[in-house]
Amino acid sequence: MITFIKKQLRRAAPADPEPVKSDKEALETTWKIHAALVDWTGKVDAKAAFAVALESAGITTIVALSAEGRLFGALQGCLQQVTYYLAIVALVVAAGCAMWVVMPRLRMRHVGKEWPENFIYFGHLRYWDAGPLQDKIKQTDLLPVLTKQLIGMSRIAWTKHLLVKLSMICASIGGISLLTCGLLVRASIQ
């Protein structure tokens, strides 16, 4: 019975993908993936900059409308205060997430130890002199070095995308809370 199941699983298993024809083609493909990661990282940074601008506008609106005699200047009742403070907290968290996205990831504690075996990231390159770097590049199979870099870049890009998503969710919660608070104040609902 077990032999039968194993045979069925082997038949159902997808065929292995066709191997890459050469190391040169593999390296070309890896550089294309690297370029795509650079592009995705740049785009998520732009989204984060847009998000932090919107969130800053929301925070500025809260500050401007919280002065005495303004819409949020004299909140009354638990419901108004909860929606008001929820808006503040959500917008501050949203802006913090967006700012964290655009903050450079320099990995200063690790780069000083890693540089002798790495030369794709500018943080590693700054330790090299031109002659030894040229020799290292000539002697090293680039594919493992580059694939290691791809994995690191992918983790950074993934984290940035998650933070932008969290930023947008928090900003939406903050905006809805602020709007709700304004409606509650206008309707005199406490």
N, C-alpha and C. Protein backbone atom coordinates (compact mmCIF):
# COMPACT_ATOMS: atom_id res chain seq x y z
N MET A 1 0.82 -1.20 0.00
CA MET A 1 0.00 0.00 0.00
C MET A 1 0.87 1.27 0.00
N ILE A 2 1.90 1.28 0.84
CA ILE A 2 2.78 2.44 0.93
C ILE A 2 3.50 2.65 -0.40
N THR A 3 3.92 1.58 -1.04
CA THR A 3 4.58 1.68 -2.34
C THR A 3 3.65 2.29 -3.37
N PHE A 4 2.39 1.89 -3.35
CA PHE A 4 1.39 2.45 -4.27
C PHE A 4 1.24 3.96 -4.07
N ILE A 5 1.16 4.39 -2.81
CA ILE A 5 1.01 5.82 -2.50
C ILE A 5 2.24 6.60 -2.98
N LYS A 6 3.42 6.04 -2.73
CA LYS A 6 4.64 6.72 -3.17
C LYS A 6 4.67 6.88 -4.68
N LYS A 7 4.25 5.83 -5.40
CA LYS A 7 4.21 5.92 -6.87
C LYS A 7 3.23 6.99 -7.32
N GLN A 8 2.09 7.06 -6.66
CA GLN A 8 1.08 8.06 -7.01
C GLN A 8 1.61 9.48 -6.75
N LEU A 9 2.29 9.64 -5.64
CA LEU A 9 2.85 10.95 -5.31
C LEU A 9 3.91 11.36 -6.32
N ARG A 10 4.74 10.40 -6.75
CA ARG A 10 5.76 10.71 -7.75
C ARG A 10 5.13 11.13 -9.06
N ARG A 11 4.05 10.46 -9.43
CA ARG A 11 3.36 10.82 -10.68
C ARG A 11 2.71 12.19 -10.57
N ALA A 12 2.17 12.51 -9.39
CA ALA A 12 1.45 13.77 -9.21
C ALA A 12 2.40 14.95 -9.01
N ALA A 13 3.63 14.65 -8.63
CA ALA A 13 4.57 15.73 -8.37
C ALA A 13 4.87 16.48 -9.66
N PRO A 14 4.96 17.81 -9.57
CA PRO A 14 5.27 18.58 -10.77
C PRO A 14 6.69 18.28 -11.24
N ALA A 15 6.87 18.37 -12.51
CA ALA A 15 8.20 18.14 -13.08
C ALA A 15 9.14 19.24 -12.63
N ASP A 16 10.39 18.87 -12.45
CA ASP A 16 11.38 19.87 -12.09
C ASP A 16 11.48 20.90 -13.20
N PRO A 17 11.67 22.17 -12.83
CA PRO A 17 11.81 23.17 -13.88
C PRO A 17 13.09 22.91 -14.68
N GLU A 18 13.06 23.38 -15.90
CA GLU A 18 14.21 23.21 -16.77
C GLU A 18 15.38 23.98 -16.16
N PRO A 19 16.54 23.34 -16.03
CA PRO A 19 17.66 24.04 -15.41
C PRO A 19 18.12 25.22 -16.27
N VAL A 20 18.70 26.19 -15.59
CA VAL A 20 19.26 27.34 -16.30
C VAL A 20 20.41 26.84 -17.16
N LYS A 21 20.51 27.38 -18.33
CA LYS A 21 21.48 26.89 -19.32
C LYS A 21 22.94 27.11 -18.91
N SER A 22 23.22 28.24 -18.26
CA SER A 22 24.61 28.52 -17.93
C SER A 22 24.68 29.42 -16.70
N ASP A 23 25.90 29.49 -16.15
CA ASP A 23 26.12 30.38 -15.02
C ASP A 23 25.90 31.83 -15.43
N LYS A 24 26.25 32.15 -16.66
CA LYS A 24 26.07 33.51 -17.16
C LYS A 24 24.59 33.88 -17.16
N GLU A 25 23.74 32.96 -17.64
CA GLU A 25 22.29 33.22 -17.66
C GLU A 25 21.74 33.33 -16.24
N ALA A 26 22.24 32.49 -15.34
CA ALA A 26 21.80 32.55 -13.95
C ALA A 26 22.18 33.89 -13.33
N LEU A 27 23.38 34.35 -13.62
CA LEU A 27 23.83 35.63 -13.10
C LEU A 27 23.01 36.78 -13.68
N GLU A 28 22.71 36.70 -14.97
CA GLU A 28 21.86 37.71 -15.61
C GLU A 28 20.48 37.77 -14.95
N THR A 29 19.90 36.60 -14.73
CA THR A 29 18.58 36.53 -14.08
C THR A 29 18.65 37.12 -12.67
N THR A 30 19.71 36.80 -11.96
CA THR A 30 19.87 37.31 -10.60
C THR A 30 19.98 38.83 -10.59
N TRP A 31 20.71 39.40 -11.55
CA TRP A 31 20.81 40.86 -11.63
C TRP A 31 19.46 41.48 -11.99
N LYS A 32 18.67 40.80 -12.80
CA LYS A 32 17.33 41.31 -13.12
C LYS A 32 16.45 41.32 -11.87
N ILE A 33 16.55 40.28 -11.07
CA ILE A 33 15.80 40.23 -9.81
C ILE A 33 16.27 41.36 -8.89
N HIS A 34 17.58 41.58 -8.85
CA HIS A 34 18.14 42.67 -8.04
C HIS A 34 17.56 44.01 -8.48
N ALA A 35 17.50 44.23 -9.78
CA ALA A 35 16.95 45.49 -10.31
C ALA A 35 15.47 45.63 -9.93
N ALA A 36 14.73 44.52 -9.99
CA ALA A 36 13.31 44.57 -9.60
C ALA A 36 13.17 44.91 -8.12
N LEU A 37 14.02 44.35 -7.28
CA LEU A 37 13.98 44.66 -5.85
C LEU A 37 14.30 46.13 -5.59
N VAL A 38 15.28 46.65 -6.30
CA VAL A 38 15.62 48.08 -6.17
C VAL A 38 14.40 48.93 -6.56
N ASP A 39 13.73 48.56 -7.64
CA ASP A 39 12.55 49.28 -8.10
C ASP A 39 11.42 49.21 -7.07
N TRP A 40 11.14 48.01 -6.56
CA TRP A 40 10.07 47.85 -5.57
C TRP A 40 10.37 48.64 -4.30
N THR A 41 11.63 48.64 -3.89
CA THR A 41 12.01 49.39 -2.69
C THR A 41 11.83 50.88 -2.92
N GLY A 42 12.21 51.37 -4.09
CA GLY A 42 12.02 52.78 -4.40
C GLY A 42 10.55 53.16 -4.42
N LYS A 43 9.72 52.29 -4.97
CA LYS A 43 8.28 52.58 -5.02
C LYS A 43 7.65 52.58 -3.64
N VAL A 44 8.06 51.66 -2.78
CA VAL A 44 7.48 51.64 -1.44
C VAL A 44 7.95 52.85 -0.64
N ASP A 45 9.17 53.31 -0.88
CA ASP A 45 9.64 54.53 -0.22
C ASP A 45 8.81 55.73 -0.67
N ALA A 46 8.46 55.79 -1.95
CA ALA A 46 7.62 56.88 -2.45
C ALA A 46 6.22 56.82 -1.83
N LYS A 47 5.67 55.62 -1.70
CA LYS A 47 4.36 55.47 -1.06
C LYS A 47 4.42 55.93 0.39
N ALA A 48 5.50 55.59 1.07
CA ALA A 48 5.65 55.98 2.47
C ALA A 48 5.77 57.50 2.60
N ALA A 49 6.50 58.13 1.69
CA ALA A 49 6.62 59.59 1.72
C ALA A 49 5.26 60.24 1.51
N PHE A 50 4.47 59.71 0.59
CA PHE A 50 3.11 60.20 0.36
C PHE A 50 2.26 60.00 1.61
N ALA A 51 2.37 58.83 2.21
CA ALA A 51 1.58 58.52 3.41
C ALA A 51 1.94 59.46 4.56
N VAL A 52 3.22 59.68 4.78
CA VAL A 52 3.61 60.55 5.91
C VAL A 52 3.17 61.99 5.66
N ALA A 53 3.10 62.41 4.41
CA ALA A 53 2.59 63.75 4.10
C ALA A 53 1.11 63.86 4.47
N LEU A 54 0.33 62.85 4.09
CA LEU A 54 -1.10 62.85 4.44
C LEU A 54 -1.30 62.77 5.95
N GLU A 55 -0.54 61.93 6.59
CA GLU A 55 -0.68 61.76 8.04
C GLU A 55 -0.26 63.02 8.78
N SER A 56 0.77 63.67 8.30
CA SER A 56 1.19 64.94 8.90
C SER A 56 0.11 65.99 8.74
N ALA A 57 -0.55 65.99 7.58
CA ALA A 57 -1.67 66.92 7.37
C ALA A 57 -2.79 66.63 8.35
N GLY A 58 -3.06 65.37 8.61
CA GLY A 58 -4.08 65.00 9.59
C GLY A 58 -3.72 65.46 10.99
N ILE A 59 -2.47 65.26 11.37
CA ILE A 59 -2.01 65.70 12.69
C ILE A 59 -2.07 67.22 12.79
N THR A 60 -1.67 67.92 11.73
CA THR A 60 -1.73 69.38 11.71
C THR A 60 -3.17 69.86 11.83
N THR A 61 -4.09 69.17 11.18
CA THR A 61 -5.51 69.52 11.28
C THR A 61 -6.00 69.38 12.71
N ILE A 62 -5.60 68.31 13.36
CA ILE A 62 -5.99 68.12 14.76
C ILE A 62 -5.47 69.26 15.62
N VAL A 63 -4.21 69.59 15.46
CA VAL A 63 -3.61 70.68 16.26
C VAL A 63 -4.34 71.99 15.99
N ALA A 64 -4.57 72.30 14.72
CA ALA A 64 -5.22 73.57 14.36
C ALA A 64 -6.64 73.66 14.88
N LEU A 65 -7.36 72.55 14.87
CA LEU A 65 -8.76 72.57 15.30
C LEU A 65 -8.94 72.28 16.79
N SER A 66 -7.83 72.16 17.52
CA SER A 66 -7.92 71.88 18.95
C SER A 66 -7.77 73.13 19.81
N ALA A 67 -7.53 74.27 19.20
CA ALA A 67 -7.40 75.51 19.96
C ALA A 67 -8.75 75.90 20.56
N GLU A 68 -8.69 76.71 21.56
CA GLU A 68 -9.92 77.17 22.23
C GLU A 68 -10.83 77.87 21.21
N GLY A 69 -12.10 77.51 21.25
CA GLY A 69 -13.07 78.10 20.34
C GLY A 69 -13.15 77.40 18.99
N ARG A 70 -12.31 76.39 18.75
CA ARG A 70 -12.33 75.65 17.49
C ARG A 70 -13.11 74.35 17.68
N LEU A 71 -13.25 73.58 16.61
CA LEU A 71 -14.09 72.38 16.61
C LEU A 71 -13.76 71.41 17.74
N PHE A 72 -12.49 71.13 17.94
CA PHE A 72 -12.10 70.17 18.98
C PHE A 72 -11.60 70.85 20.25
N GLY A 73 -11.88 72.13 20.40
CA GLY A 73 -11.39 72.91 21.53
C GLY A 73 -12.05 72.59 22.86
N ALA A 74 -13.26 72.10 22.85
CA ALA A 74 -13.97 71.82 24.10
C ALA A 74 -14.77 70.53 23.94
N LEU A 75 -14.06 69.43 23.95
CA LEU A 75 -14.73 68.14 23.80
C LEU A 75 -15.54 67.83 25.05
N GLN A 76 -16.71 67.24 24.83
CA GLN A 76 -17.59 66.91 25.95
C GLN A 76 -17.97 65.44 25.85
N GLY A 77 -17.86 64.77 26.93
CA GLY A 77 -18.31 63.39 26.98
C GLY A 77 -17.27 62.39 26.52
N CYS A 78 -17.51 61.18 26.91
CA CYS A 78 -16.58 60.07 26.66
C CYS A 78 -16.43 59.77 25.17
N LEU A 79 -17.52 59.74 24.44
CA LEU A 79 -17.49 59.36 23.02
C LEU A 79 -16.64 60.32 22.19
N GLN A 80 -16.81 61.61 22.42
CA GLN A 80 -16.01 62.60 21.69
C GLN A 80 -14.52 62.45 22.03
N GLN A 81 -14.23 62.27 23.31
CA GLN A 81 -12.83 62.16 23.72
C GLN A 81 -12.18 60.88 23.21
N VAL A 82 -12.92 59.78 23.24
CA VAL A 82 -12.36 58.51 22.75
C VAL A 82 -12.04 58.61 21.26
N THR A 83 -12.96 59.15 20.46
CA THR A 83 -12.71 59.26 19.02
C THR A 83 -11.58 60.25 18.72
N TYR A 84 -11.50 61.32 19.50
CA TYR A 84 -10.45 62.33 19.33
C TYR A 84 -9.08 61.72 19.62
N TYR A 85 -8.95 61.09 20.78
CA TYR A 85 -7.64 60.53 21.15
C TYR A 85 -7.27 59.31 20.31
N LEU A 86 -8.26 58.56 19.88
CA LEU A 86 -7.99 57.45 18.96
C LEU A 86 -7.43 57.99 17.64
N ALA A 87 -7.98 59.09 17.17
CA ALA A 87 -7.48 59.71 15.93
C ALA A 87 -6.03 60.15 16.10
N ILE A 88 -5.73 60.78 17.22
CA ILE A 88 -4.36 61.24 17.46
C ILE A 88 -3.39 60.06 17.49
N VAL A 89 -3.72 59.05 18.29
CA VAL A 89 -2.83 57.89 18.42
C VAL A 89 -2.66 57.19 17.07
N ALA A 90 -3.75 56.97 16.37
CA ALA A 90 -3.68 56.27 15.08
C ALA A 90 -2.84 57.04 14.07
N LEU A 91 -3.00 58.35 14.01
CA LEU A 91 -2.23 59.15 13.05
C LEU A 91 -0.75 59.22 13.42
N VAL A 92 -0.46 59.29 14.71
CA VAL A 92 0.95 59.30 15.14
C VAL A 92 1.61 57.95 14.84
N VAL A 93 0.91 56.86 15.12
CA VAL A 93 1.45 55.52 14.80
C VAL A 93 1.63 55.39 13.28
N ALA A 94 0.65 55.85 12.52
CA ALA A 94 0.73 55.78 11.06
C ALA A 94 1.94 56.55 10.54
N ALA A 95 2.14 57.76 11.04
CA ALA A 95 3.28 58.56 10.60
C ALA A 95 4.60 57.90 11.02
N GLY A 96 4.62 57.33 12.22
CA GLY A 96 5.82 56.63 12.68
C GLY A 96 6.17 55.45 11.79
N CYS A 97 5.17 54.68 11.40
CA CYS A 97 5.41 53.54 10.50
C CYS A 97 5.94 54.02 9.15
N ALA A 98 5.34 55.07 8.62
CA ALA A 98 5.79 55.59 7.32
C ALA A 98 7.21 56.13 7.40
N MET A 99 7.54 56.80 8.50
CA MET A 99 8.90 57.32 8.65
C MET A 99 9.90 56.17 8.80
N TRP A 100 9.49 55.10 9.47
CA TRP A 100 10.37 53.94 9.64
C TRP A 100 10.71 53.32 8.28
N VAL A 101 9.75 53.38 7.35
CA VAL A 101 9.98 52.83 6.00
C VAL A 101 11.11 53.56 5.30
N VAL A 102 11.11 54.88 5.36
CA VAL A 102 12.12 55.64 4.61
C VAL A 102 13.44 55.79 5.36
N MET A 103 13.48 55.34 6.60
CA MET A 103 14.73 55.40 7.35
C MET A 103 15.73 54.42 6.74
N PRO A 104 16.95 54.87 6.43
CA PRO A 104 17.94 53.98 5.81
C PRO A 104 18.27 52.78 6.70
N ARG A 105 18.43 51.62 6.07
CA ARG A 105 18.82 50.39 6.76
C ARG A 105 20.32 50.18 6.49
N LEU A 106 21.16 50.70 7.34
CA LEU A 106 22.60 50.63 7.10
C LEU A 106 23.26 49.41 7.73
N ARG A 107 22.62 48.79 8.70
CA ARG A 107 23.14 47.58 9.35
C ARG A 107 24.58 47.79 9.84
N MET A 108 24.83 48.90 10.50
CA MET A 108 26.19 49.27 10.88
C MET A 108 26.88 48.25 11.77
N ARG A 109 26.13 47.57 12.63
CA ARG A 109 26.75 46.60 13.53
C ARG A 109 27.25 45.35 12.80
N HIS A 110 26.65 45.03 11.67
CA HIS A 110 26.99 43.80 10.96
C HIS A 110 27.98 44.00 9.82
N VAL A 111 27.92 45.13 9.19
CA VAL A 111 28.70 45.37 7.96
C VAL A 111 30.21 45.25 8.21
N GLY A 112 30.67 45.73 9.34
CA GLY A 112 32.10 45.68 9.65
C GLY A 112 32.65 44.26 9.71
N LYS A 113 31.79 43.30 10.06
CA LYS A 113 32.21 41.89 10.12
C LYS A 113 32.02 41.18 8.78
N GLU A 114 31.07 41.63 8.00
CA GLU A 114 30.68 40.93 6.77
C GLU A 114 31.49 41.32 5.53
N TRP A 115 32.08 42.49 5.52
CA TRP A 115 32.64 43.03 4.30
C TRP A 115 33.68 42.16 3.60
N PRO A 116 34.52 41.38 4.31
CA PRO A 116 35.53 40.61 3.57
C PRO A 116 34.94 39.60 2.57
N GLU A 117 33.71 39.17 2.78
CA GLU A 117 33.09 38.19 1.88
C GLU A 117 31.98 38.80 1.02
N ASN A 118 31.77 40.10 1.12
CA ASN A 118 30.65 40.74 0.42
C ASN A 118 31.12 42.03 -0.25
N PHE A 119 30.53 42.30 -1.41
CA PHE A 119 30.92 43.53 -2.12
C PHE A 119 29.82 44.03 -3.05
N ILE A 120 28.58 43.68 -2.78
CA ILE A 120 27.47 44.19 -3.58
C ILE A 120 26.88 45.44 -2.92
N TYR A 121 26.74 45.41 -1.62
CA TYR A 121 26.14 46.50 -0.85
C TYR A 121 27.17 47.61 -0.62
N PHE A 122 26.75 48.86 -0.77
CA PHE A 122 27.69 49.97 -0.61
C PHE A 122 28.29 50.03 0.79
N GLY A 123 27.58 49.52 1.78
CA GLY A 123 28.11 49.48 3.14
C GLY A 123 29.33 48.56 3.24
N HIS A 124 29.34 47.50 2.45
CA HIS A 124 30.50 46.62 2.41
C HIS A 124 31.62 47.23 1.57
N LEU A 125 31.24 47.84 0.46
CA LEU A 125 32.23 48.39 -0.47
C LEU A 125 33.09 49.48 0.16
N ARG A 126 32.54 50.20 1.11
CA ARG A 126 33.30 51.31 1.69
C ARG A 126 34.55 50.84 2.44
N TYR A 127 34.61 49.56 2.79
CA TYR A 127 35.79 49.02 3.48
C TYR A 127 36.89 48.58 2.51
N TRP A 128 36.54 48.42 1.25
CA TRP A 128 37.48 47.87 0.28
C TRP A 128 38.38 48.95 -0.32
N ASP A 129 39.59 48.54 -0.73
CA ASP A 129 40.45 49.35 -1.59
C ASP A 129 40.29 48.80 -3.00
N ALA A 130 40.55 49.61 -4.00
CA ALA A 130 40.27 49.24 -5.40
C ALA A 130 41.00 47.96 -5.84
N GLY A 131 42.27 47.84 -5.55
CA GLY A 131 43.05 46.68 -5.99
C GLY A 131 42.53 45.37 -5.39
N PRO A 132 42.46 45.28 -4.06
CA PRO A 132 41.94 44.05 -3.46
C PRO A 132 40.50 43.74 -3.87
N LEU A 133 39.70 44.76 -4.06
CA LEU A 133 38.31 44.53 -4.49
C LEU A 133 38.29 43.92 -5.89
N GLN A 134 39.11 44.45 -6.77
CA GLN A 134 39.19 43.91 -8.13
C GLN A 134 39.60 42.44 -8.10
N ASP A 135 40.59 42.12 -7.28
CA ASP A 135 41.04 40.72 -7.16
C ASP A 135 39.93 39.84 -6.59
N LYS A 136 39.26 40.33 -5.56
CA LYS A 136 38.18 39.56 -4.92
C LYS A 136 37.06 39.27 -5.91
N ILE A 137 36.69 40.26 -6.71
CA ILE A 137 35.63 40.06 -7.69
C ILE A 137 36.05 39.03 -8.74
N LYS A 138 37.32 39.09 -9.17
CA LYS A 138 37.82 38.13 -10.17
C LYS A 138 37.83 36.70 -9.62
N GLN A 139 38.14 36.55 -8.33
CA GLN A 139 38.30 35.22 -7.73
C GLN A 139 37.00 34.62 -7.20
N THR A 140 35.96 35.41 -7.09
CA THR A 140 34.74 34.98 -6.42
C THR A 140 33.64 34.63 -7.41
N ASP A 141 32.96 33.54 -7.13
CA ASP A 141 31.75 33.20 -7.87
C ASP A 141 30.69 34.21 -7.42
N LEU A 142 30.24 35.05 -8.32
CA LEU A 142 29.32 36.13 -7.96
C LEU A 142 27.92 35.65 -7.58
N LEU A 143 27.50 34.53 -8.10
CA LEU A 143 26.13 34.07 -7.87
C LEU A 143 25.80 33.91 -6.38
N PRO A 144 26.61 33.23 -5.57
CA PRO A 144 26.28 33.12 -4.14
C PRO A 144 26.25 34.47 -3.42
N VAL A 145 27.19 35.34 -3.77
CA VAL A 145 27.24 36.67 -3.14
C VAL A 145 25.98 37.46 -3.49
N LEU A 146 25.61 37.42 -4.75
CA LEU A 146 24.45 38.18 -5.22
C LEU A 146 23.14 37.60 -4.67
N THR A 147 23.04 36.27 -4.63
CA THR A 147 21.79 35.69 -4.10
C THR A 147 21.63 35.99 -2.61
N LYS A 148 22.74 36.03 -1.88
CA LYS A 148 22.68 36.42 -0.46
C LYS A 148 22.17 37.86 -0.34
N GLN A 149 22.65 38.72 -1.22
CA GLN A 149 22.20 40.12 -1.23
C GLN A 149 20.72 40.21 -1.56
N LEU A 150 20.25 39.39 -2.51
CA LEU A 150 18.82 39.39 -2.87
C LEU A 150 17.95 39.04 -1.67
N ILE A 151 18.38 38.06 -0.91
CA ILE A 151 17.60 37.65 0.27
C ILE A 151 17.53 38.79 1.27
N GLY A 152 18.66 39.44 1.54
CA GLY A 152 18.66 40.57 2.46
C GLY A 152 17.78 41.71 1.97
N MET A 153 17.89 42.02 0.69
CA MET A 153 17.07 43.09 0.11
C MET A 153 15.58 42.74 0.16
N SER A 154 15.27 41.47 -0.07
CA SER A 154 13.87 41.04 -0.04
C SER A 154 13.28 41.20 1.34
N ARG A 155 14.04 40.88 2.36
CA ARG A 155 13.56 41.04 3.74
C ARG A 155 13.29 42.52 4.03
N ILE A 156 14.18 43.36 3.60
CA ILE A 156 13.98 44.80 3.81
C ILE A 156 12.75 45.28 3.06
N ALA A 157 12.62 44.90 1.80
CA ALA A 157 11.46 45.32 0.99
C ALA A 157 10.16 44.81 1.60
N TRP A 158 10.15 43.58 2.06
CA TRP A 158 8.95 43.00 2.67
C TRP A 158 8.55 43.79 3.92
N THR A 159 9.53 44.08 4.77
CA THR A 159 9.26 44.85 5.99
C THR A 159 8.72 46.23 5.64
N LYS A 160 9.33 46.87 4.65
CA LYS A 160 8.87 48.20 4.24
C LYS A 160 7.43 48.15 3.74
N HIS A 161 7.09 47.15 2.94
CA HIS A 161 5.72 47.04 2.43
C HIS A 161 4.73 46.79 3.57
N LEU A 162 5.10 45.96 4.52
CA LEU A 162 4.21 45.73 5.67
C LEU A 162 4.01 47.00 6.48
N LEU A 163 5.08 47.76 6.67
CA LEU A 163 4.96 49.01 7.43
C LEU A 163 4.10 50.04 6.70
N VAL A 164 4.22 50.12 5.38
CA VAL A 164 3.36 51.04 4.62
C VAL A 164 1.91 50.61 4.74
N LYS A 165 1.67 49.32 4.66
CA LYS A 165 0.30 48.83 4.82
C LYS A 165 -0.24 49.18 6.20
N LEU A 166 0.55 48.94 7.23
CA LEU A 166 0.13 49.29 8.59
C LEU A 166 -0.10 50.79 8.72
N SER A 167 0.77 51.57 8.10
CA SER A 167 0.62 53.02 8.12
C SER A 167 -0.71 53.45 7.50
N MET A 168 -1.04 52.87 6.37
CA MET A 168 -2.30 53.22 5.69
C MET A 168 -3.52 52.79 6.51
N ILE A 169 -3.43 51.62 7.12
CA ILE A 169 -4.54 51.16 7.96
C ILE A 169 -4.73 52.10 9.15
N CYS A 170 -3.63 52.43 9.83
CA CYS A 170 -3.72 53.33 10.98
C CYS A 170 -4.20 54.72 10.56
N ALA A 171 -3.72 55.20 9.42
CA ALA A 171 -4.17 56.51 8.93
C ALA A 171 -5.66 56.50 8.64
N SER A 172 -6.15 55.41 8.08
CA SER A 172 -7.59 55.30 7.80
C SER A 172 -8.38 55.31 9.10
N ILE A 173 -7.91 54.56 10.08
CA ILE A 173 -8.58 54.55 11.39
C ILE A 173 -8.55 55.95 12.00
N GLY A 174 -7.40 56.62 11.90
CA GLY A 174 -7.29 57.98 12.43
C GLY A 174 -8.20 58.96 11.72
N GLY A 175 -8.26 58.87 10.41
CA GLY A 175 -9.13 59.77 9.64
C GLY A 175 -10.60 59.55 9.95
N ILE A 176 -11.00 58.29 10.02
CA ILE A 176 -12.40 57.97 10.34
C ILE A 176 -12.74 58.42 11.76
N SER A 177 -11.81 58.21 12.69
CA SER A 177 -12.04 58.64 14.08
C SER A 177 -12.16 60.15 14.17
N LEU A 178 -11.30 60.86 13.45
CA LEU A 178 -11.35 62.32 13.47
C LEU A 178 -12.65 62.83 12.87
N LEU A 179 -13.05 62.26 11.76
CA LEU A 179 -14.32 62.63 11.13
C LEU A 179 -15.49 62.34 12.07
N THR A 180 -15.46 61.17 12.70
CA THR A 180 -16.51 60.80 13.64
C THR A 180 -16.56 61.78 14.81
N CYS A 181 -15.40 62.14 15.33
CA CYS A 181 -15.34 63.10 16.43
C CYS A 181 -15.93 64.44 16.00
N GLY A 182 -15.56 64.90 14.82
CA GLY A 182 -16.10 66.16 14.32
C GLY A 182 -17.61 66.12 14.18
N LEU A 183 -18.14 65.01 13.67
CA LEU A 183 -19.59 64.86 13.54
C LEU A 183 -20.27 64.81 14.90
N LEU A 184 -19.65 64.14 15.85
CA LEU A 184 -20.21 64.07 17.21
C LEU A 184 -20.24 65.46 17.85
N VAL A 185 -19.18 66.23 17.65
CA VAL A 185 -19.14 67.59 18.22
C VAL A 185 -20.21 68.45 17.56
N ARG A 186 -20.32 68.39 16.24
CA ARG A 186 -21.32 69.19 15.52
C ARG A 186 -22.74 68.80 15.93
N ALA A 187 -22.96 67.51 16.15
CA ALA A 187 -24.30 67.04 16.52
C ALA A 187 -24.54 67.13 18.03
N SER A 188 -23.53 67.59 18.77
CA SER A 188 -23.61 67.70 20.24
C SER A 188 -23.91 66.36 20.90
N ILE A 189 -23.35 65.29 20.34
CA ILE A 189 -23.50 63.96 20.94
C ILE A 189 -22.28 63.71 21.81
N GLN A 190 -22.54 63.39 23.06
CA GLN A 190 -21.45 63.21 24.01
C GLN A 190 -21.19 61.74 24.20
